[in-house]
Structures are given as structure tokens and as C-alpha cells.
Amino acid sequence: MSRDDREHWENAHAKAAAPGPAAPFLVEHVHLLRPGLVVDVAAGTGRNAAFLAARGHRVIALDVARPALERLHAMDARIACVQMDLDAPGVRAGSVDAVVVVNFLDRRLFAEVGRWLRPGGVLVWDTFLIDQREIGHPRNPSFLLARGELVERLAGDFRMLATREGAVDDGGGREFRSGVVAERLGPEARAVRRRTRSGV
């Protein structure tokens, strides 16, 4: 991440209001996360990290913005807050039980989050579809998923537990979103899945 981008997010979070409620898609499917260590990627105000910690998960909140992390740790000392440039994340392979990504898209992370998860670990990813640019923020295609992209990118290494895609209203008005809850397959199952997908 560039210095300008980092400063932008630090300034934005320095002025941010208190965290609101957790993401509805996460709340709806949190029962699919087994107890353990959860990484909240691009945690921002910490609304999802706080929700998970309150439910007994051990939570690591990752974000590039130090002000957001300092505020989150002051609010809930149970949450481990780590300032990290997600251009080069440093999470140990096979070390976490769940990963949560909400309202964030960096396509390089698809392979990374799979590597972080233990077999059987669960990924919750919920963000905006390309259709969103017609009705509001964000508009940059780099931060918007194509239809079917999220499931397609994860299908080789994950078993889908829940999905959604299209126009939704999570309480804040109409948005176009794509979300999955997916279980990381073990090495043998991944190999079989890849052979099947390649027609071998």
C-alpha cells in the first residue's frame, strides 16, 4: 500500500464515529464458525471484531490504520490489534480457524486467506458486486466483484456453506453484494476437487 493510501485511511479512521452493528451477513452465519482464532481483515472500526469477541472467539483485527486499531483495543482489550499492510500480509500458514472479510476486496488475498486457514476452517467474505457502481459507492471496478467471481475463485479449495449474490437490503438501503461462507478443504479433498474441475 502506498504512503498516500495509508495516510488516507488513517485520517478517515481518526475521524470515524463509534462502530456500528456487525455486518448482517456475518451475524446471520456466525453459527457456522467453530470456536477458535478468527482474523478480521481490514477491520476498520472493529464492529465485526467486537461482535466475534463477544461471542467468545479469540480475534485478531488486521488493518493498515493505526488510529482505528488503537480505538478498537481501547474499546475491547480482548481483541489483538495488528497494524498490517495487506499488500504483504504476514499471517502464518494454517494458523487460524476463521477469516472474516467484509467490504474489502484485494484479489491477491484469495490465495492468501486459504493459506492462513487450517483445514476445516471457515471463510466469511461479503463485499460489493459490479452492479453497485450504478447506484453508489464504491465505483472503481478494482473493488467490485463480477457476478459469480467470488464462488468461482474459491471453488477449488473450499466447500460452500452459504452464498448470496445480487440486490440486498441489510438495513441501510439497497446494495448489490456477493457473499460466501466457505469451509477450507483438506489437502486430499482439494486435490480431488482440482482434478474434477480440470476434467482429469
Protein backbone atom coordinates (compact mmCIF):
# COMPACT_ATOMS: atom_id res chain seq x y z
CA MET A 1 0.00 0.00 0.00
CA SER A 2 1.29 3.44 -0.87
CA ARG A 3 2.04 6.03 1.78
CA ASP A 4 -0.80 8.20 0.44
CA ASP A 5 -3.28 5.33 0.76
CA ARG A 6 -2.15 4.61 4.30
CA GLU A 7 -2.49 8.26 5.28
CA HIS A 8 -5.95 8.39 3.70
CA TRP A 9 -7.21 5.50 5.83
CA GLU A 10 -5.52 6.74 8.98
CA ASN A 11 -7.14 10.16 8.55
CA ALA A 12 -10.52 8.60 7.78
CA HIS A 13 -10.45 6.39 10.86
CA ALA A 14 -9.13 9.17 13.10
CA LYS A 15 -12.43 10.97 12.44
CA ALA A 16 -14.66 7.89 12.37
CA ALA A 17 -17.69 7.51 14.57
CA ALA A 18 -18.09 4.70 17.08
CA PRO A 19 -18.51 1.27 15.48
CA GLY A 20 -22.00 0.33 14.43
CA PRO A 21 -23.57 -3.15 14.50
CA ALA A 22 -21.79 -6.13 12.96
CA ALA A 23 -22.34 -6.94 9.29
CA PRO A 24 -25.72 -8.68 8.90
CA PHE A 25 -24.30 -11.44 6.69
CA LEU A 26 -21.79 -12.29 9.42
CA VAL A 27 -24.43 -12.18 12.14
CA GLU A 28 -26.69 -14.48 10.13
CA HIS A 29 -24.00 -17.11 9.63
CA VAL A 30 -21.77 -16.78 12.70
CA HIS A 31 -23.05 -20.16 13.94
CA LEU A 32 -21.03 -21.76 11.11
CA LEU A 33 -17.75 -20.57 12.66
CA ARG A 34 -16.31 -23.07 15.08
CA PRO A 35 -14.77 -21.66 18.28
CA GLY A 36 -11.17 -20.59 17.83
CA LEU A 37 -8.91 -17.93 16.40
CA VAL A 38 -10.53 -15.53 13.91
CA VAL A 39 -8.77 -12.95 11.73
CA ASP A 40 -10.84 -9.88 10.81
CA VAL A 41 -9.25 -8.48 7.64
CA ALA A 42 -9.41 -4.70 7.10
CA ALA A 43 -11.17 -4.47 10.45
CA GLY A 44 -11.80 -0.72 10.25
CA THR A 45 -13.92 0.46 13.19
CA GLY A 46 -13.89 -3.04 14.61
CA ARG A 47 -17.62 -3.70 14.54
CA ASN A 48 -17.17 -7.30 13.38
CA ALA A 49 -14.18 -7.99 15.61
CA ALA A 50 -16.10 -6.77 18.67
CA PHE A 51 -19.09 -8.92 17.75
CA LEU A 52 -16.92 -12.02 17.40
CA ALA A 53 -15.04 -11.37 20.64
CA ALA A 54 -18.35 -11.00 22.50
CA ARG A 55 -19.29 -14.46 21.24
CA GLY A 56 -16.14 -15.99 22.72
CA HIS A 57 -13.84 -16.10 19.70
CA ARG A 58 -10.20 -15.10 20.00
CA VAL A 59 -9.92 -12.28 17.48
CA ILE A 60 -7.04 -10.66 15.62
CA ALA A 61 -8.04 -7.42 13.90
CA LEU A 62 -5.84 -6.50 10.94
CA ASP A 63 -5.84 -3.02 9.46
CA VAL A 64 -3.38 -0.53 7.99
CA ALA A 65 -4.82 2.37 10.04
CA ARG A 66 -3.29 2.69 13.50
CA PRO A 67 -5.97 5.11 14.86
CA ALA A 68 -8.69 2.55 14.16
CA LEU A 69 -6.75 -0.21 15.90
CA GLU A 70 -5.92 1.94 18.92
CA ARG A 71 -9.59 2.86 19.33
CA LEU A 72 -10.65 -0.77 18.97
CA HIS A 73 -8.14 -2.04 21.53
CA ALA A 74 -9.24 0.65 23.99
CA MET A 75 -12.85 -0.44 23.46
CA ASP A 76 -12.17 -4.17 23.88
CA ALA A 77 -8.79 -5.31 25.18
CA ARG A 78 -9.60 -8.94 24.32
CA ILE A 79 -9.02 -8.15 20.64
CA ALA A 80 -5.44 -8.42 19.39
CA CYS A 81 -4.91 -5.46 17.06
CA VAL A 82 -2.21 -5.71 14.40
CA GLN A 83 -1.26 -2.93 12.02
CA MET A 84 -0.51 -4.66 8.74
CA ASP A 85 -0.08 -3.64 5.13
CA LEU A 86 -2.37 -6.07 3.32
CA ASP A 87 -0.21 -5.75 0.20
CA ALA A 88 2.19 -8.05 2.05
CA PRO A 89 0.27 -9.79 4.86
CA GLY A 90 2.26 -11.75 7.40
CA VAL A 91 -0.14 -14.38 8.73
CA ARG A 92 1.34 -17.83 9.37
CA ALA A 93 0.03 -20.67 7.18
CA GLY A 94 -2.52 -22.97 8.79
CA SER A 95 -2.73 -20.85 11.94
CA VAL A 96 -6.35 -19.65 12.12
CA ASP A 97 -9.81 -21.18 12.39
CA ALA A 98 -11.75 -18.48 10.56
CA VAL A 99 -11.20 -15.41 8.41
CA VAL A 100 -13.74 -12.60 8.02
CA VAL A 101 -13.55 -10.10 5.15
CA VAL A 102 -16.34 -7.51 4.86
CA ASN A 103 -16.48 -4.54 2.46
CA PHE A 104 -12.95 -5.13 1.25
CA LEU A 105 -11.56 -6.56 -1.98
CA ASP A 106 -7.98 -7.22 -2.93
CA ARG A 107 -7.94 -10.17 -5.31
CA ARG A 108 -4.42 -11.14 -4.24
CA LEU A 109 -5.91 -12.18 -0.89
CA PHE A 110 -7.96 -15.05 -2.29
CA ALA A 111 -4.93 -17.34 -2.26
CA GLU A 112 -3.60 -15.85 0.98
CA VAL A 113 -6.66 -16.42 3.15
CA GLY A 114 -6.85 -20.02 2.04
CA ARG A 115 -3.25 -20.49 3.13
CA TRP A 116 -3.93 -18.95 6.56
CA LEU A 117 -6.83 -21.27 7.36
CA ARG A 118 -6.50 -24.69 8.92
CA PRO A 119 -8.34 -27.49 7.07
CA GLY A 120 -11.96 -27.20 8.14
CA GLY A 121 -11.53 -23.50 8.87
CA VAL A 122 -14.24 -21.14 7.66
CA LEU A 123 -14.05 -18.06 5.46
CA VAL A 124 -16.75 -15.37 5.56
CA TRP A 125 -16.34 -12.92 2.67
CA ASP A 126 -19.01 -10.34 1.85
CA THR A 127 -18.49 -7.31 -0.36
CA PHE A 128 -19.84 -5.36 -3.31
CA LEU A 129 -20.80 -6.52 -6.79
CA ILE A 130 -20.01 -4.68 -10.02
CA ASP A 131 -23.68 -3.59 -10.19
CA GLN A 132 -23.08 -1.39 -7.15
CA ARG A 133 -21.30 1.25 -9.23
CA GLU A 134 -24.62 2.14 -10.88
CA ILE A 135 -26.24 3.16 -7.58
CA GLY A 136 -23.43 4.38 -5.31
CA HIS A 137 -20.06 3.83 -3.68
CA PRO A 138 -17.73 2.12 -4.50
CA ARG A 139 -17.48 2.70 -8.23
CA ASN A 140 -13.94 1.55 -9.01
CA PRO A 141 -14.12 -1.90 -10.70
CA SER A 142 -10.95 -2.92 -8.85
CA PHE A 143 -13.03 -3.02 -5.66
CA LEU A 144 -16.11 -4.68 -7.16
CA LEU A 145 -16.73 -8.37 -7.82
CA ALA A 146 -18.03 -9.70 -11.10
CA ARG A 147 -21.12 -11.87 -10.87
CA GLY A 148 -20.10 -15.39 -9.86
CA GLU A 149 -16.49 -14.35 -9.24
CA LEU A 150 -16.34 -14.97 -5.52
CA VAL A 151 -17.60 -18.55 -5.69
CA GLU A 152 -15.50 -19.27 -8.78
CA ARG A 153 -12.26 -18.06 -7.22
CA LEU A 154 -12.79 -20.12 -4.07
CA ALA A 155 -14.36 -23.26 -5.52
CA GLY A 156 -11.14 -25.28 -5.87
CA ASP A 157 -10.13 -25.03 -2.23
CA PHE A 158 -13.42 -24.53 -0.38
CA ARG A 159 -16.80 -26.14 0.17
CA MET A 160 -19.59 -23.56 0.05
CA LEU A 161 -21.76 -23.49 3.16
CA ALA A 162 -23.83 -20.41 2.28
CA THR A 163 -23.87 -17.90 -0.56
CA ARG A 164 -25.72 -14.79 -1.66
CA GLU A 165 -25.44 -12.56 -4.68
CA GLY A 166 -27.49 -9.68 -6.02
CA ALA A 167 -29.55 -6.81 -4.65
CA VAL A 168 -29.95 -6.89 -0.87
CA ASP A 169 -31.08 -4.59 1.89
CA ASP A 170 -29.17 -5.18 5.12
CA GLY A 171 -30.95 -2.32 6.85
CA GLY A 172 -29.12 0.57 5.24
CA GLY A 173 -30.81 0.63 1.85
CA ARG A 174 -30.44 -1.29 -1.38
CA GLU A 175 -26.95 -2.55 -2.29
CA PHE A 176 -25.52 -5.12 -4.69
CA ARG A 177 -23.43 -7.65 -2.81
CA SER A 178 -21.79 -11.04 -3.07
CA GLY A 179 -21.11 -13.14 0.00
CA VAL A 180 -19.94 -16.63 0.86
CA VAL A 181 -19.40 -18.74 3.92
CA ALA A 182 -16.99 -21.46 2.87
CA GLU A 183 -15.09 -24.29 4.57
CA ARG A 184 -11.43 -24.84 3.73
CA LEU A 185 -10.90 -28.34 2.36
CA GLY A 186 -8.05 -30.58 3.46
CA PRO A 187 -5.19 -31.37 1.03
CA GLU A 188 -6.68 -34.63 -0.29
CA ALA A 189 -10.12 -33.13 -0.88
CA ARG A 190 -8.56 -30.12 -2.62
CA ALA A 191 -6.58 -32.39 -4.93
CA VAL A 192 -9.72 -34.35 -5.85
CA ARG A 193 -11.68 -31.13 -6.39
CA ARG A 194 -8.98 -29.74 -8.70
CA ARG A 195 -8.80 -32.94 -10.74
CA THR A 196 -12.57 -32.92 -11.10
CA ARG A 197 -12.64 -29.28 -12.15
CA SER A 198 -9.88 -29.83 -14.72
CA GLY A 199 -11.62 -32.91 -16.13
CA VAL A 200 -8.75 -35.27 -15.30
